[in-house]
Full PDB file with SEQRES, HELIX, SHEET, SSBOND, CRYST1, ORIGX, SCALE, CONECT and MASTER records, all heavy atoms in Angstrom:
SEQRES   1 A   35  LYS VAL LEU ILE GLN LEU LYS GLN TYR GLU ASN ALA LEU          
SEQRES   2 A   35  LYS ASP LEU LEU GLU LEU ARG ASP LEU ALA PRO GLU GLU          
SEQRES   3 A   35  ALA ASN VAL PRO PHE VAL LEU GLY LYS                          
HELIX    1 AA1 VAL A    2  GLN A    5  1                                   4    
HELIX    2 AA2 TYR A    9  LEU A   22  1                                  14    
HELIX    3 AA3 ASN A   28  GLY A   34  1                                   7    
CRYST1    1.000    1.000    1.000  90.00  90.00  90.00 P 1           1          
ORIGX1      1.000000  0.000000  0.000000        0.00000                         
ORIGX2      0.000000  1.000000  0.000000        0.00000                         
ORIGX3      0.000000  0.000000  1.000000        0.00000                         
SCALE1      1.000000  0.000000  0.000000        0.00000                         
SCALE2      0.000000  1.000000  0.000000        0.00000                         
SCALE3      0.000000  0.000000  1.000000        0.00000                         
ATOM      1  N   LYS A   1      81.000  49.721-119.150  1.00  0.00           N  
ATOM      2  CA  LYS A   1      79.990  50.085-120.151  1.00  0.00           C  
ATOM      3  C   LYS A   1      78.648  50.415-119.333  1.00  0.00           C  
ATOM      4  O   LYS A   1      77.986  51.311-119.782  1.00  0.00           O  
ATOM      5  CB  LYS A   1      79.687  48.928-121.094  1.00  0.00           C  
ATOM      6  CG  LYS A   1      81.089  48.669-122.038  1.00  0.00           C  
ATOM      7  CD  LYS A   1      80.623  47.893-123.271  1.00  0.00           C  
ATOM      8  CE  LYS A   1      80.107  46.450-122.834  1.00  0.00           C  
ATOM      9  NZ  LYS A   1      79.863  45.597-123.999  1.00  0.00           N  
ATOM     10  N   VAL A   2      78.459  49.564-118.331  1.00  0.00           N  
ATOM     11  CA  VAL A   2      77.301  49.829-117.606  1.00  0.00           C  
ATOM     12  C   VAL A   2      77.249  51.188-116.853  1.00  0.00           C  
ATOM     13  O   VAL A   2      76.196  51.982-116.757  1.00  0.00           O  
ATOM     14  CB  VAL A   2      76.878  48.693-116.609  1.00  0.00           C  
ATOM     15  CG1 VAL A   2      75.684  49.037-115.700  1.00  0.00           C  
ATOM     16  CG2 VAL A   2      76.490  47.465-117.354  1.00  0.00           C  
ATOM     17  N   LEU A   3      78.377  51.410-116.223  1.00  0.00           N  
ATOM     18  CA  LEU A   3      78.627  52.564-115.458  1.00  0.00           C  
ATOM     19  C   LEU A   3      78.444  53.827-116.316  1.00  0.00           C  
ATOM     20  O   LEU A   3      77.854  54.938-115.911  1.00  0.00           O  
ATOM     21  CB  LEU A   3      80.018  52.742-114.858  1.00  0.00           C  
ATOM     22  CG  LEU A   3      80.188  51.658-113.584  1.00  0.00           C  
ATOM     23  CD1 LEU A   3      81.694  51.672-113.219  1.00  0.00           C  
ATOM     24  CD2 LEU A   3      79.444  52.194-112.447  1.00  0.00           C  
ATOM     25  N   ILE A   4      79.053  53.792-117.593  1.00  0.00           N  
ATOM     26  CA  ILE A   4      78.868  54.890-118.494  1.00  0.00           C  
ATOM     27  C   ILE A   4      77.408  55.154-118.844  1.00  0.00           C  
ATOM     28  O   ILE A   4      76.815  56.234-118.873  1.00  0.00           O  
ATOM     29  CB  ILE A   4      79.727  54.644-119.783  1.00  0.00           C  
ATOM     30  CG1 ILE A   4      81.256  54.827-119.423  1.00  0.00           C  
ATOM     31  CG2 ILE A   4      79.384  55.599-120.873  1.00  0.00           C  
ATOM     32  CD1 ILE A   4      82.106  54.334-120.427  1.00  0.00           C  
ATOM     33  N   GLN A   5      76.612  54.016-119.039  1.00  0.00           N  
ATOM     34  CA  GLN A   5      75.217  54.182-119.450  1.00  0.00           C  
ATOM     35  C   GLN A   5      74.420  54.839-118.287  1.00  0.00           C  
ATOM     36  O   GLN A   5      73.530  55.554-118.399  1.00  0.00           O  
ATOM     37  CB  GLN A   5      74.699  52.882-119.747  1.00  0.00           C  
ATOM     38  CG  GLN A   5      75.115  52.210-121.119  1.00  0.00           C  
ATOM     39  CD  GLN A   5      74.426  50.951-121.539  1.00  0.00           C  
ATOM     40  OE1 GLN A   5      73.214  50.954-121.865  1.00  0.00           O  
ATOM     41  NE2 GLN A   5      75.136  49.859-121.150  1.00  0.00           N  
ATOM     42  N   LEU A   6      74.903  54.498-116.953  1.00  0.00           N  
ATOM     43  CA  LEU A   6      74.215  55.062-115.853  1.00  0.00           C  
ATOM     44  C   LEU A   6      74.897  56.403-115.532  1.00  0.00           C  
ATOM     45  O   LEU A   6      74.486  57.037-114.396  1.00  0.00           O  
ATOM     46  CB  LEU A   6      74.504  54.058-114.590  1.00  0.00           C  
ATOM     47  CG  LEU A   6      73.804  52.738-114.829  1.00  0.00           C  
ATOM     48  CD1 LEU A   6      74.249  51.848-113.679  1.00  0.00           C  
ATOM     49  CD2 LEU A   6      72.164  52.907-114.588  1.00  0.00           C  
ATOM     50  N   LYS A   7      75.750  56.868-116.301  1.00  0.00           N  
ATOM     51  CA  LYS A   7      76.372  58.221-116.079  1.00  0.00           C  
ATOM     52  C   LYS A   7      77.284  58.350-114.862  1.00  0.00           C  
ATOM     53  O   LYS A   7      77.310  59.454-114.300  1.00  0.00           O  
ATOM     54  CB  LYS A   7      75.394  59.319-116.228  1.00  0.00           C  
ATOM     55  CG  LYS A   7      74.583  59.411-117.517  1.00  0.00           C  
ATOM     56  CD  LYS A   7      73.783  60.640-117.692  1.00  0.00           C  
ATOM     57  CE  LYS A   7      72.988  60.540-119.096  1.00  0.00           C  
ATOM     58  NZ  LYS A   7      73.824  60.502-120.252  1.00  0.00           N  
ATOM     59  N   GLN A   8      77.741  57.163-114.436  1.00  0.00           N  
ATOM     60  CA  GLN A   8      78.544  57.200-113.182  1.00  0.00           C  
ATOM     61  C   GLN A   8      80.018  57.310-113.769  1.00  0.00           C  
ATOM     62  O   GLN A   8      80.779  56.331-113.638  1.00  0.00           O  
ATOM     63  CB  GLN A   8      78.392  55.921-112.337  1.00  0.00           C  
ATOM     64  CG  GLN A   8      76.958  55.796-111.703  1.00  0.00           C  
ATOM     65  CD  GLN A   8      76.927  54.709-110.879  1.00  0.00           C  
ATOM     66  OE1 GLN A   8      77.735  54.153-110.223  1.00  0.00           O  
ATOM     67  NE2 GLN A   8      75.526  54.123-110.684  1.00  0.00           N  
ATOM     68  N   TYR A   9      80.315  58.511-114.283  1.00  0.00           N  
ATOM     69  CA  TYR A   9      81.578  58.593-115.129  1.00  0.00           C  
ATOM     70  C   TYR A   9      82.933  58.561-114.215  1.00  0.00           C  
ATOM     71  O   TYR A   9      83.881  57.874-114.733  1.00  0.00           O  
ATOM     72  CB  TYR A   9      81.585  60.071-115.800  1.00  0.00           C  
ATOM     73  CG  TYR A   9      80.474  60.183-116.857  1.00  0.00           C  
ATOM     74  CD1 TYR A   9      79.834  61.410-116.897  1.00  0.00           C  
ATOM     75  CD2 TYR A   9      80.076  59.114-117.546  1.00  0.00           C  
ATOM     76  CE1 TYR A   9      78.882  61.527-117.971  1.00  0.00           C  
ATOM     77  CE2 TYR A   9      79.093  59.267-118.520  1.00  0.00           C  
ATOM     78  CZ  TYR A   9      78.428  60.439-118.689  1.00  0.00           C  
ATOM     79  OH  TYR A   9      77.484  60.605-119.601  1.00  0.00           O  
ATOM     80  N   GLU A  10      82.907  58.927-113.136  1.00  0.00           N  
ATOM     81  CA  GLU A  10      84.068  58.891-112.265  1.00  0.00           C  
ATOM     82  C   GLU A  10      84.458  57.428-111.887  1.00  0.00           C  
ATOM     83  O   GLU A  10      85.559  56.987-111.946  1.00  0.00           O  
ATOM     84  CB  GLU A  10      83.839  59.757-110.835  1.00  0.00           C  
ATOM     85  CG  GLU A  10      83.953  61.239-111.102  1.00  0.00           C  
ATOM     86  CD  GLU A  10      85.229  61.734-111.685  1.00  0.00           C  
ATOM     87  OE1 GLU A  10      86.249  61.070-111.505  1.00  0.00           O  
ATOM     88  OE2 GLU A  10      85.188  62.777-112.305  1.00  0.00           O  
ATOM     89  N   ASN A  11      83.359  56.687-111.592  1.00  0.00           N  
ATOM     90  CA  ASN A  11      83.747  55.155-111.379  1.00  0.00           C  
ATOM     91  C   ASN A  11      84.084  54.435-112.527  1.00  0.00           C  
ATOM     92  O   ASN A  11      84.934  53.542-112.489  1.00  0.00           O  
ATOM     93  CB  ASN A  11      82.264  54.582-110.751  1.00  0.00           C  
ATOM     94  CG  ASN A  11      81.954  55.013-109.406  1.00  0.00           C  
ATOM     95  OD1 ASN A  11      82.797  55.391-108.619  1.00  0.00           O  
ATOM     96  ND2 ASN A  11      80.696  54.959-109.009  1.00  0.00           N  
ATOM     97  N   ALA A  12      83.448  54.811-113.677  1.00  0.00           N  
ATOM     98  CA  ALA A  12      83.938  54.312-114.953  1.00  0.00           C  
ATOM     99  C   ALA A  12      85.337  54.568-115.322  1.00  0.00           C  
ATOM    100  O   ALA A  12      86.172  53.798-115.752  1.00  0.00           O  
ATOM    101  CB  ALA A  12      83.007  54.663-116.057  1.00  0.00           C  
ATOM    102  N   LEU A  13      85.733  55.913-115.031  1.00  0.00           N  
ATOM    103  CA  LEU A  13      87.113  56.243-115.230  1.00  0.00           C  
ATOM    104  C   LEU A  13      88.115  55.484-114.355  1.00  0.00           C  
ATOM    105  O   LEU A  13      89.068  55.054-114.864  1.00  0.00           O  
ATOM    106  CB  LEU A  13      87.198  57.735-114.997  1.00  0.00           C  
ATOM    107  CG  LEU A  13      88.582  58.420-115.183  1.00  0.00           C  
ATOM    108  CD1 LEU A  13      89.085  58.179-116.573  1.00  0.00           C  
ATOM    109  CD2 LEU A  13      88.590  59.849-114.783  1.00  0.00           C  
ATOM    110  N   LYS A  14      87.731  55.278-113.135  1.00  0.00           N  
ATOM    111  CA  LYS A  14      88.716  54.543-112.170  1.00  0.00           C  
ATOM    112  C   LYS A  14      88.861  53.125-112.758  1.00  0.00           C  
ATOM    113  O   LYS A  14      89.955  52.579-112.804  1.00  0.00           O  
ATOM    114  CB  LYS A  14      88.006  54.405-110.846  1.00  0.00           C  
ATOM    115  CG  LYS A  14      88.826  53.657-109.810  1.00  0.00           C  
ATOM    116  CD  LYS A  14      88.099  53.726-108.488  1.00  0.00           C  
ATOM    117  CE  LYS A  14      88.859  52.929-107.456  1.00  0.00           C  
ATOM    118  NZ  LYS A  14      88.739  51.561-107.702  1.00  0.00           N  
ATOM    119  N   ASP A  15      87.766  52.479-113.267  1.00  0.00           N  
ATOM    120  CA  ASP A  15      87.928  50.997-113.915  1.00  0.00           C  
ATOM    121  C   ASP A  15      88.791  51.172-115.065  1.00  0.00           C  
ATOM    122  O   ASP A  15      89.576  50.144-115.314  1.00  0.00           O  
ATOM    123  CB  ASP A  15      86.541  50.512-114.086  1.00  0.00           C  
ATOM    124  CG  ASP A  15      85.948  49.848-112.892  1.00  0.00           C  
ATOM    125  OD1 ASP A  15      86.603  49.634-111.906  1.00  0.00           O  
ATOM    126  OD2 ASP A  15      84.732  49.463-113.000  1.00  0.00           O  
ATOM    127  N   LEU A  16      88.534  52.097-115.934  1.00  0.00           N  
ATOM    128  CA  LEU A  16      89.325  52.138-117.240  1.00  0.00           C  
ATOM    129  C   LEU A  16      90.800  52.304-116.955  1.00  0.00           C  
ATOM    130  O   LEU A  16      91.546  51.740-117.681  1.00  0.00           O  
ATOM    131  CB  LEU A  16      88.742  53.268-118.128  1.00  0.00           C  
ATOM    132  CG  LEU A  16      87.442  52.830-118.917  1.00  0.00           C  
ATOM    133  CD1 LEU A  16      86.785  54.101-119.543  1.00  0.00           C  
ATOM    134  CD2 LEU A  16      87.672  51.857-120.022  1.00  0.00           C  
ATOM    135  N   LEU A  17      91.149  53.109-116.023  1.00  0.00           N  
ATOM    136  CA  LEU A  17      92.575  53.386-115.714  1.00  0.00           C  
ATOM    137  C   LEU A  17      93.178  52.085-115.086  1.00  0.00           C  
ATOM    138  O   LEU A  17      94.317  51.795-115.496  1.00  0.00           O  
ATOM    139  CB  LEU A  17      92.736  54.568-114.700  1.00  0.00           C  
ATOM    140  CG  LEU A  17      92.247  55.910-115.282  1.00  0.00           C  
ATOM    141  CD1 LEU A  17      92.296  56.920-114.102  1.00  0.00           C  
ATOM    142  CD2 LEU A  17      93.172  56.287-116.415  1.00  0.00           C  
ATOM    143  N   GLU A  18      92.386  51.297-114.425  1.00  0.00           N  
ATOM    144  CA  GLU A  18      93.032  50.059-113.894  1.00  0.00           C  
ATOM    145  C   GLU A  18      93.092  48.993-115.138  1.00  0.00           C  
ATOM    146  O   GLU A  18      93.977  48.299-115.238  1.00  0.00           O  
ATOM    147  CB  GLU A  18      91.988  49.441-112.774  1.00  0.00           C  
ATOM    148  CG  GLU A  18      92.045  50.284-111.458  1.00  0.00           C  
ATOM    149  CD  GLU A  18      91.074  49.784-110.541  1.00  0.00           C  
ATOM    150  OE1 GLU A  18      90.410  48.674-110.774  1.00  0.00           O  
ATOM    151  OE2 GLU A  18      90.929  50.338-109.384  1.00  0.00           O  
ATOM    152  N   LEU A  19      92.066  48.994-115.956  1.00  0.00           N  
ATOM    153  CA  LEU A  19      92.156  48.196-117.071  1.00  0.00           C  
ATOM    154  C   LEU A  19      93.291  48.508-118.071  1.00  0.00           C  
ATOM    155  O   LEU A  19      93.890  47.613-118.690  1.00  0.00           O  
ATOM    156  CB  LEU A  19      90.824  48.334-117.986  1.00  0.00           C  
ATOM    157  CG  LEU A  19      89.655  47.420-117.409  1.00  0.00           C  
ATOM    158  CD1 LEU A  19      88.412  47.897-118.202  1.00  0.00           C  
ATOM    159  CD2 LEU A  19      90.007  45.965-117.778  1.00  0.00           C  
ATOM    160  N   ARG A  20      93.647  49.699-118.072  1.00  0.00           N  
ATOM    161  CA  ARG A  20      94.774  50.272-119.004  1.00  0.00           C  
ATOM    162  C   ARG A  20      96.039  49.476-118.512  1.00  0.00           C  
ATOM    163  O   ARG A  20      96.866  49.086-119.362  1.00  0.00           O  
ATOM    164  CB  ARG A  20      94.908  51.723-118.931  1.00  0.00           C  
ATOM    165  CG  ARG A  20      95.917  52.185-119.876  1.00  0.00           C  
ATOM    166  CD  ARG A  20      96.033  53.797-119.856  1.00  0.00           C  
ATOM    167  NE  ARG A  20      96.298  54.241-118.511  1.00  0.00           N  
ATOM    168  CZ  ARG A  20      96.289  55.543-118.120  1.00  0.00           C  
ATOM    169  NH1 ARG A  20      96.037  56.541-119.066  1.00  0.00           N  
ATOM    170  NH2 ARG A  20      96.575  55.974-116.981  1.00  0.00           N  
ATOM    171  N   ASP A  21      96.151  49.244-117.197  1.00  0.00           N  
ATOM    172  CA  ASP A  21      97.285  48.529-116.683  1.00  0.00           C  
ATOM    173  C   ASP A  21      97.186  47.056-116.766  1.00  0.00           C  
ATOM    174  O   ASP A  21      98.182  46.329-117.078  1.00  0.00           O  
ATOM    175  CB  ASP A  21      97.485  48.940-115.149  1.00  0.00           C  
ATOM    176  CG  ASP A  21      97.762  50.461-115.067  1.00  0.00           C  
ATOM    177  OD1 ASP A  21      98.444  51.064-115.913  1.00  0.00           O  
ATOM    178  OD2 ASP A  21      97.447  50.939-113.920  1.00  0.00           O  
ATOM    179  N   LEU A  22      96.005  46.509-116.643  1.00  0.00           N  
ATOM    180  CA  LEU A  22      95.724  45.119-116.788  1.00  0.00           C  
ATOM    181  C   LEU A  22      95.865  44.681-118.137  1.00  0.00           C  
ATOM    182  O   LEU A  22      96.370  43.464-118.404  1.00  0.00           O  
ATOM    183  CB  LEU A  22      94.375  44.736-116.274  1.00  0.00           C  
ATOM    184  CG  LEU A  22      94.046  44.701-114.785  1.00  0.00           C  
ATOM    185  CD1 LEU A  22      92.579  44.544-114.442  1.00  0.00           C  
ATOM    186  CD2 LEU A  22      94.911  43.512-114.125  1.00  0.00           C  
ATOM    187  N   ALA A  23      95.405  45.386-119.205  1.00  0.00           N  
ATOM    188  CA  ALA A  23      95.347  44.935-120.602  1.00  0.00           C  
ATOM    189  C   ALA A  23      95.893  46.011-121.480  1.00  0.00           C  
ATOM    190  O   ALA A  23      95.214  46.703-122.250  1.00  0.00           O  
ATOM    191  CB  ALA A  23      93.950  44.610-121.024  1.00  0.00           C  
ATOM    192  N   PRO A  24      97.167  46.338-121.437  1.00  0.00           N  
ATOM    193  CA  PRO A  24      97.914  47.449-122.071  1.00  0.00           C  
ATOM    194  C   PRO A  24      97.887  47.386-123.565  1.00  0.00           C  
ATOM    195  O   PRO A  24      97.839  48.332-124.358  1.00  0.00           O  
ATOM    196  CB  PRO A  24      99.215  47.539-121.622  1.00  0.00           C  
ATOM    197  CG  PRO A  24      99.536  46.098-121.098  1.00  0.00           C  
ATOM    198  CD  PRO A  24      98.294  45.589-120.508  1.00  0.00           C  
ATOM    199  N   GLU A  25      97.583  46.116-124.199  1.00  0.00           N  
ATOM    200  CA  GLU A  25      97.533  45.949-125.684  1.00  0.00           C  
ATOM    201  C   GLU A  25      96.162  45.913-126.213  1.00  0.00           C  
ATOM    202  O   GLU A  25      95.946  45.634-127.308  1.00  0.00           O  
ATOM    203  CB  GLU A  25      98.359  44.588-125.968  1.00  0.00           C  
ATOM    204  CG  GLU A  25      99.730  44.579-125.515  1.00  0.00           C  
ATOM    205  CD  GLU A  25     100.507  45.708-126.049  1.00  0.00           C  
ATOM    206  OE1 GLU A  25     100.498  46.026-127.271  1.00  0.00           O  
ATOM    207  OE2 GLU A  25     101.334  46.262-125.323  1.00  0.00           O  
ATOM    208  N   GLU A  26      95.175  46.132-125.301  1.00  0.00           N  
ATOM    209  CA  GLU A  26      93.728  46.014-125.717  1.00  0.00           C  
ATOM    210  C   GLU A  26      93.338  47.414-126.183  1.00  0.00           C  
ATOM    211  O   GLU A  26      93.104  48.260-125.378  1.00  0.00           O  
ATOM    212  CB  GLU A  26      92.847  45.583-124.652  1.00  0.00           C  
ATOM    213  CG  GLU A  26      91.316  45.494-124.888  1.00  0.00           C  
ATOM    214  CD  GLU A  26      91.023  44.743-126.204  1.00  0.00           C  
ATOM    215  OE1 GLU A  26      91.416  43.572-126.301  1.00  0.00           O  
ATOM    216  OE2 GLU A  26      90.467  45.508-127.147  1.00  0.00           O  
ATOM    217  N   ALA A  27      93.116  47.539-127.542  1.00  0.00           N  
ATOM    218  CA  ALA A  27      92.750  48.798-128.139  1.00  0.00           C  
ATOM    219  C   ALA A  27      91.446  49.441-127.667  1.00  0.00           C  
ATOM    220  O   ALA A  27      91.313  50.634-127.538  1.00  0.00           O  
ATOM    221  CB  ALA A  27      92.797  48.784-129.663  1.00  0.00           C  
ATOM    222  N   ASN A  28      90.493  48.575-127.272  1.00  0.00           N  
ATOM    223  CA  ASN A  28      89.181  48.987-126.866  1.00  0.00           C  
ATOM    224  C   ASN A  28      89.227  49.865-125.534  1.00  0.00           C  
ATOM    225  O   ASN A  28      88.378  50.701-125.313  1.00  0.00           O  
ATOM    226  CB  ASN A  28      88.202  47.799-126.690  1.00  0.00           C  
ATOM    227  CG  ASN A  28      87.663  47.438-128.010  1.00  0.00           C  
ATOM    228  OD1 ASN A  28      87.374  48.182-128.880  1.00  0.00           O  
ATOM    229  ND2 ASN A  28      87.452  46.049-128.122  1.00  0.00           N  
ATOM    230  N   VAL A  29      90.223  49.631-124.771  1.00  0.00           N  
ATOM    231  CA  VAL A  29      90.411  50.317-123.505  1.00  0.00           C  
ATOM    232  C   VAL A  29      90.645  51.792-123.690  1.00  0.00           C  
ATOM    233  O   VAL A  29      89.919  52.729-123.276  1.00  0.00           O  
ATOM    234  CB  VAL A  29      91.400  49.653-122.507  1.00  0.00           C  
ATOM    235  CG1 VAL A  29      91.600  50.433-121.282  1.00  0.00           C  
ATOM    236  CG2 VAL A  29      90.969  48.128-122.175  1.00  0.00           C  
ATOM    237  N   PRO A  30      91.783  52.120-124.440  1.00  0.00           N  
ATOM    238  CA  PRO A  30      91.912  53.507-124.692  1.00  0.00           C  
ATOM    239  C   PRO A  30      90.880  54.186-125.582  1.00  0.00           C  
ATOM    240  O   PRO A  30      90.553  55.439-125.462  1.00  0.00           O  
ATOM    241  CB  PRO A  30      93.381  53.684-125.343  1.00  0.00           C  
ATOM    242  CG  PRO A  30      93.621  52.323-125.857  1.00  0.00           C  
ATOM    243  CD  PRO A  30      92.944  51.300-124.946  1.00  0.00           C  
ATOM    244  N   PHE A  31      90.354  53.417-126.347  1.00  0.00           N  
ATOM    245  CA  PHE A  31      89.229  53.949-127.254  1.00  0.00           C  
ATOM    246  C   PHE A  31      87.984  54.427-126.430  1.00  0.00           C  
ATOM    247  O   PHE A  31      87.412  55.499-126.612  1.00  0.00           O  
ATOM    248  CB  PHE A  31      88.688  52.842-128.224  1.00  0.00           C  
ATOM    249  CG  PHE A  31      87.590  53.263-129.110  1.00  0.00           C  
ATOM    250  CD1 PHE A  31      87.735  54.312-129.975  1.00  0.00           C  
ATOM    251  CD2 PHE A  31      86.338  52.639-129.010  1.00  0.00           C  
ATOM    252  CE1 PHE A  31      86.671  54.661-130.915  1.00  0.00           C  
ATOM    253  CE2 PHE A  31      85.366  53.016-129.848  1.00  0.00           C  
ATOM    254  CZ  PHE A  31      85.450  54.059-130.683  1.00  0.00           C  
ATOM    255  N   VAL A  32      87.555  53.436-125.568  1.00  0.00           N  
ATOM    256  CA  VAL A  32      86.444  53.899-124.691  1.00  0.00           C  
ATOM    257  C   VAL A  32      86.852  54.859-123.598  1.00  0.00           C  
ATOM    258  O   VAL A  32      86.047  55.733-123.328  1.00  0.00           O  
ATOM    259  CB  VAL A  32      85.955  52.552-123.831  1.00  0.00           C  
ATOM    260  CG1 VAL A  32      84.941  52.881-122.887  1.00  0.00           C  
ATOM    261  CG2 VAL A  32      85.298  51.564-124.800  1.00  0.00           C  
ATOM    262  N   LEU A  33      88.046  54.946-123.170  1.00  0.00           N  
ATOM    263  CA  LEU A  33      88.582  55.929-122.173  1.00  0.00           C  
ATOM    264  C   LEU A  33      88.531  57.166-122.990  1.00  0.00           C  
ATOM    265  O   LEU A  33      88.100  58.344-122.400  1.00  0.00           O  
ATOM    266  CB  LEU A  33      90.034  55.531-121.819  1.00  0.00           C  
ATOM    267  CG  LEU A  33      90.723  56.518-120.813  1.00  0.00           C  
ATOM    268  CD1 LEU A  33      89.756  56.614-119.612  1.00  0.00           C  
ATOM    269  CD2 LEU A  33      92.053  55.991-120.445  1.00  0.00           C  
ATOM    270  N   GLY A  34      88.869  57.283-124.251  1.00  0.00           N  
ATOM    271  CA  GLY A  34      88.818  58.537-124.995  1.00  0.00           C  
ATOM    272  C   GLY A  34      87.312  59.046-125.112  1.00  0.00           C  
ATOM    273  O   GLY A  34      87.145  60.244-124.974  1.00  0.00           O  
ATOM    274  N   LYS A  35      86.524  58.167-125.421  1.00  0.00           N  
ATOM    275  CA  LYS A  35      85.082  58.551-125.495  1.00  0.00           C  
ATOM    276  C   LYS A  35      84.540  59.037-124.118  1.00  0.00           C  
ATOM    277  O   LYS A  35      83.746  60.061-124.102  1.00  0.00           O  
ATOM    278  CB  LYS A  35      84.223  57.407-125.974  1.00  0.00           C  
ATOM    279  CG  LYS A  35      84.441  56.930-127.369  1.00  0.00           C  
ATOM    280  CD  LYS A  35      83.647  55.634-127.708  1.00  0.00           C  
ATOM    281  CE  LYS A  35      82.218  55.921-127.886  1.00  0.00           C  
ATOM    282  NZ  LYS A  35      81.567  54.630-128.243  1.00  0.00           N  
TER     283      LYS A  35                                                      
MASTER        0    0    0    3    0    0    0    6  282    1    0    3          
END                                                                             
């Protein structure tokens, strides 16, 4: 969330892809990834 606010999109994307594997049932991860 902080990386997105700082417009560091590539770093945020890297974290979200890792989170998708860590928490595959957490809906907020694909939701934020979509945004």
